[in-house]
N, C-alpha and C. Protein backbone atom coordinates (compact mmCIF):
# COMPACT_ATOMS: atom_id res chain seq x y z
N MET A 1 117.58 113.25 127.69
CA MET A 1 118.19 111.64 127.04
C MET A 1 118.77 112.60 125.71
N ILE A 2 120.12 111.83 125.63
CA ILE A 2 120.68 112.14 124.01
C ILE A 2 120.80 111.02 123.37
N ARG A 3 120.10 111.05 121.89
CA ARG A 3 120.48 109.77 121.17
C ARG A 3 121.40 109.92 119.98
N VAL A 4 122.10 108.73 120.40
CA VAL A 4 123.15 108.54 119.34
C VAL A 4 123.25 107.78 118.12
N ASN A 5 123.22 108.18 116.95
CA ASN A 5 123.00 107.27 115.69
C ASN A 5 121.69 106.48 115.84
N ASP A 6 120.70 106.85 116.31
CA ASP A 6 119.25 106.40 116.28
C ASP A 6 119.44 105.22 116.94
N ARG A 7 120.33 104.36 118.02
CA ARG A 7 120.25 103.51 118.75
C ARG A 7 120.48 103.42 119.98
N LEU A 8 121.59 104.47 120.11
CA LEU A 8 121.90 104.45 121.52
C LEU A 8 121.57 105.82 122.40
N GLU A 9 121.35 105.33 123.71
CA GLU A 9 120.40 106.82 124.91
C GLU A 9 121.47 106.90 125.50
N LEU A 10 121.55 108.04 125.73
CA LEU A 10 122.73 108.48 126.98
C LEU A 10 122.29 109.58 128.00
N ALA A 11 122.40 109.39 129.25
CA ALA A 11 121.67 110.59 129.90
C ALA A 11 122.56 111.89 129.67
N TRP A 12 121.54 113.01 129.67
CA TRP A 12 121.95 114.28 129.94
C TRP A 12 122.57 114.68 131.14
N HIS A 13 123.44 115.47 131.05
CA HIS A 13 124.05 116.08 132.23
C HIS A 13 123.98 117.41 131.47
N GLU A 14 124.04 118.99 132.50
CA GLU A 14 124.60 120.05 132.40
C GLU A 14 125.73 120.33 131.95
N GLY A 15 126.20 120.80 131.00
CA GLY A 15 127.87 120.95 130.55
C GLY A 15 127.99 119.87 129.74
N THR A 16 127.14 118.42 129.31
CA THR A 16 127.67 117.74 128.37
C THR A 16 128.17 118.24 126.77
N THR A 17 129.31 118.01 126.43
CA THR A 17 130.03 118.09 125.41
C THR A 17 129.93 117.26 124.25
N VAL A 18 130.49 117.17 122.62
CA VAL A 18 130.19 116.52 122.02
C VAL A 18 131.52 115.31 122.31
N ARG A 19 132.93 115.89 122.86
CA ARG A 19 133.86 115.14 123.77
C ARG A 19 133.38 114.24 124.68
N ASP A 20 132.70 114.66 125.50
CA ASP A 20 131.77 113.53 126.38
C ASP A 20 130.90 112.18 126.05
N VAL A 21 129.89 113.02 124.94
CA VAL A 21 129.38 111.83 124.15
C VAL A 21 130.49 110.77 123.85
N LEU A 22 131.28 111.44 122.63
CA LEU A 22 132.25 110.27 122.07
C LEU A 22 132.85 109.56 122.97
N ASP A 23 133.36 110.16 123.92
CA ASP A 23 134.07 109.42 125.37
C ASP A 23 133.00 108.10 125.97
N GLN A 24 131.91 108.37 126.30
CA GLN A 24 130.50 107.64 126.78
C GLN A 24 130.51 106.22 125.83
N CYS A 25 130.68 107.01 124.59
CA CYS A 25 130.26 105.85 123.40
C CYS A 25 131.29 105.13 123.04
N GLY A 26 132.18 105.47 123.39
CA GLY A 26 133.74 104.90 123.30
C GLY A 26 134.15 104.92 121.64
N PHE A 27 134.08 106.04 120.98
CA PHE A 27 134.59 106.32 119.66
C PHE A 27 135.65 106.63 120.00
N THR A 28 136.88 106.04 119.18
CA THR A 28 138.18 106.35 119.49
C THR A 28 138.79 106.63 117.94
N TYR A 29 137.78 106.36 116.57
CA TYR A 29 138.59 106.32 115.55
C TYR A 29 138.86 107.92 115.08
N PRO A 30 140.34 108.25 114.73
CA PRO A 30 140.41 109.32 114.42
C PRO A 30 139.99 110.35 113.42
N LEU A 31 139.30 109.80 112.78
CA LEU A 31 138.54 110.30 111.48
C LEU A 31 136.80 109.84 111.73
N LEU A 32 136.36 111.01 112.26
CA LEU A 32 134.94 110.83 112.56
C LEU A 32 134.21 112.39 111.93
N VAL A 33 132.94 112.30 111.68
CA VAL A 33 132.05 113.04 111.48
C VAL A 33 130.73 113.21 112.39
N VAL A 34 130.82 114.35 113.14
CA VAL A 34 129.97 114.67 114.07
C VAL A 34 128.91 115.45 113.86
N SER A 35 127.60 115.46 114.14
CA SER A 35 126.62 116.44 113.67
C SER A 35 125.58 116.16 114.82
N ILE A 36 125.10 117.61 115.17
CA ILE A 36 124.21 117.93 116.37
C ILE A 36 122.92 118.43 115.55
N ASN A 37 121.94 117.36 115.74
CA ASN A 37 120.38 117.87 115.07
C ASN A 37 120.95 118.24 113.18
N GLY A 38 121.64 117.56 112.84
CA GLY A 38 122.29 117.69 111.24
C GLY A 38 122.95 118.81 111.10
N SER A 39 123.72 119.66 112.25
CA SER A 39 124.41 120.59 111.72
C SER A 39 125.94 120.08 112.16
N VAL A 40 126.79 119.95 111.06
CA VAL A 40 128.24 119.52 111.76
C VAL A 40 129.12 120.15 112.51
N VAL A 41 129.65 119.33 113.65
CA VAL A 41 130.40 119.93 114.54
C VAL A 41 132.00 119.68 114.06
N THR A 42 132.87 120.67 114.16
CA THR A 42 134.12 120.22 113.57
C THR A 42 135.19 119.55 114.59
N LYS A 43 136.07 119.10 114.43
CA LYS A 43 136.84 118.20 115.36
C LYS A 43 137.37 119.42 116.34
N GLU A 44 137.40 120.43 115.98
CA GLU A 44 138.34 121.70 116.81
C GLU A 44 137.25 121.92 117.98
N ALA A 45 135.93 121.82 117.78
CA ALA A 45 134.86 122.29 118.34
C ALA A 45 134.22 121.38 119.36
N TYR A 46 135.07 120.24 119.25
CA TYR A 46 134.41 118.73 120.25
C TYR A 46 134.46 119.30 121.70
N ASP A 47 135.40 119.87 122.16
CA ASP A 47 135.24 119.96 124.00
C ASP A 47 134.69 120.94 124.18
N ARG A 48 134.36 122.22 123.05
CA ARG A 48 133.43 123.18 123.98
C ARG A 48 131.88 123.03 122.97
N ALA A 49 131.44 122.21 122.35
CA ALA A 49 130.31 122.19 121.43
C ALA A 49 129.60 121.63 122.51
N SER A 50 128.45 122.35 123.09
CA SER A 50 127.50 121.58 124.23
C SER A 50 126.00 120.57 123.25
N VAL A 51 126.15 120.05 124.31
CA VAL A 51 124.61 119.06 123.65
C VAL A 51 123.52 119.40 124.62
N ALA A 52 122.86 119.72 124.02
CA ALA A 52 121.01 119.97 124.67
C ALA A 52 120.43 118.72 125.01
N ASP A 53 119.62 118.47 126.07
CA ASP A 53 118.88 117.44 126.39
C ASP A 53 118.04 117.22 125.34
N GLY A 54 117.95 116.27 124.60
CA GLY A 54 116.85 115.82 123.41
C GLY A 54 117.31 115.89 122.25
N ASP A 55 118.76 116.26 121.95
CA ASP A 55 119.66 116.25 120.85
C ASP A 55 119.76 115.16 120.24
N GLU A 56 120.06 115.15 118.65
CA GLU A 56 120.21 113.79 117.92
C GLU A 56 121.54 113.91 117.53
N ILE A 57 122.35 113.32 118.01
CA ILE A 57 123.81 112.94 117.27
C ILE A 57 124.33 111.78 116.38
N ARG A 58 124.77 112.30 115.79
CA ARG A 58 125.13 111.51 114.43
C ARG A 58 126.78 111.35 114.74
N VAL A 59 127.06 110.31 114.70
CA VAL A 59 128.86 109.91 114.65
C VAL A 59 129.10 108.77 113.34
N LEU A 60 129.69 109.67 112.41
CA LEU A 60 130.14 108.51 111.08
C LEU A 60 131.98 108.60 111.33
N HIS A 61 132.00 107.10 110.98
CA HIS A 61 133.63 107.07 110.54
C HIS A 61 133.79 107.34 108.75
N LEU A 62 135.05 108.06 109.13
CA LEU A 62 135.24 108.31 107.57
C LEU A 62 136.20 106.76 106.89
N MET A 63 135.69 106.30 105.94
CA MET A 63 136.91 105.57 105.47
C MET A 63 137.03 105.73 104.00
N ALA A 64 138.43 105.52 103.30
CA ALA A 64 138.55 105.71 102.09
C ALA A 64 138.87 104.14 101.61
N GLY A 65 138.79 103.73 100.29
CA GLY A 65 139.45 102.52 99.96
C GLY A 65 139.48 102.45 98.45
N GLY A 66 139.63 101.58 97.52
CA GLY A 66 139.93 101.72 96.53
C GLY A 66 140.10 100.49 95.34
């Protein structure tokens, strides 16, 4: 099981990547900050960063305002 933002739980499968998690959760906003167990994952690594069973994923939307 993978936990996302302390509220969503996804089934884990061998080979799951950050991109898979974002797709399953419906995150489409272009400016995201993603971390796995507190370690930030760069956008360039989403397709190759693997997610292990039991990982805690945090996804934040970056916003600016004034």
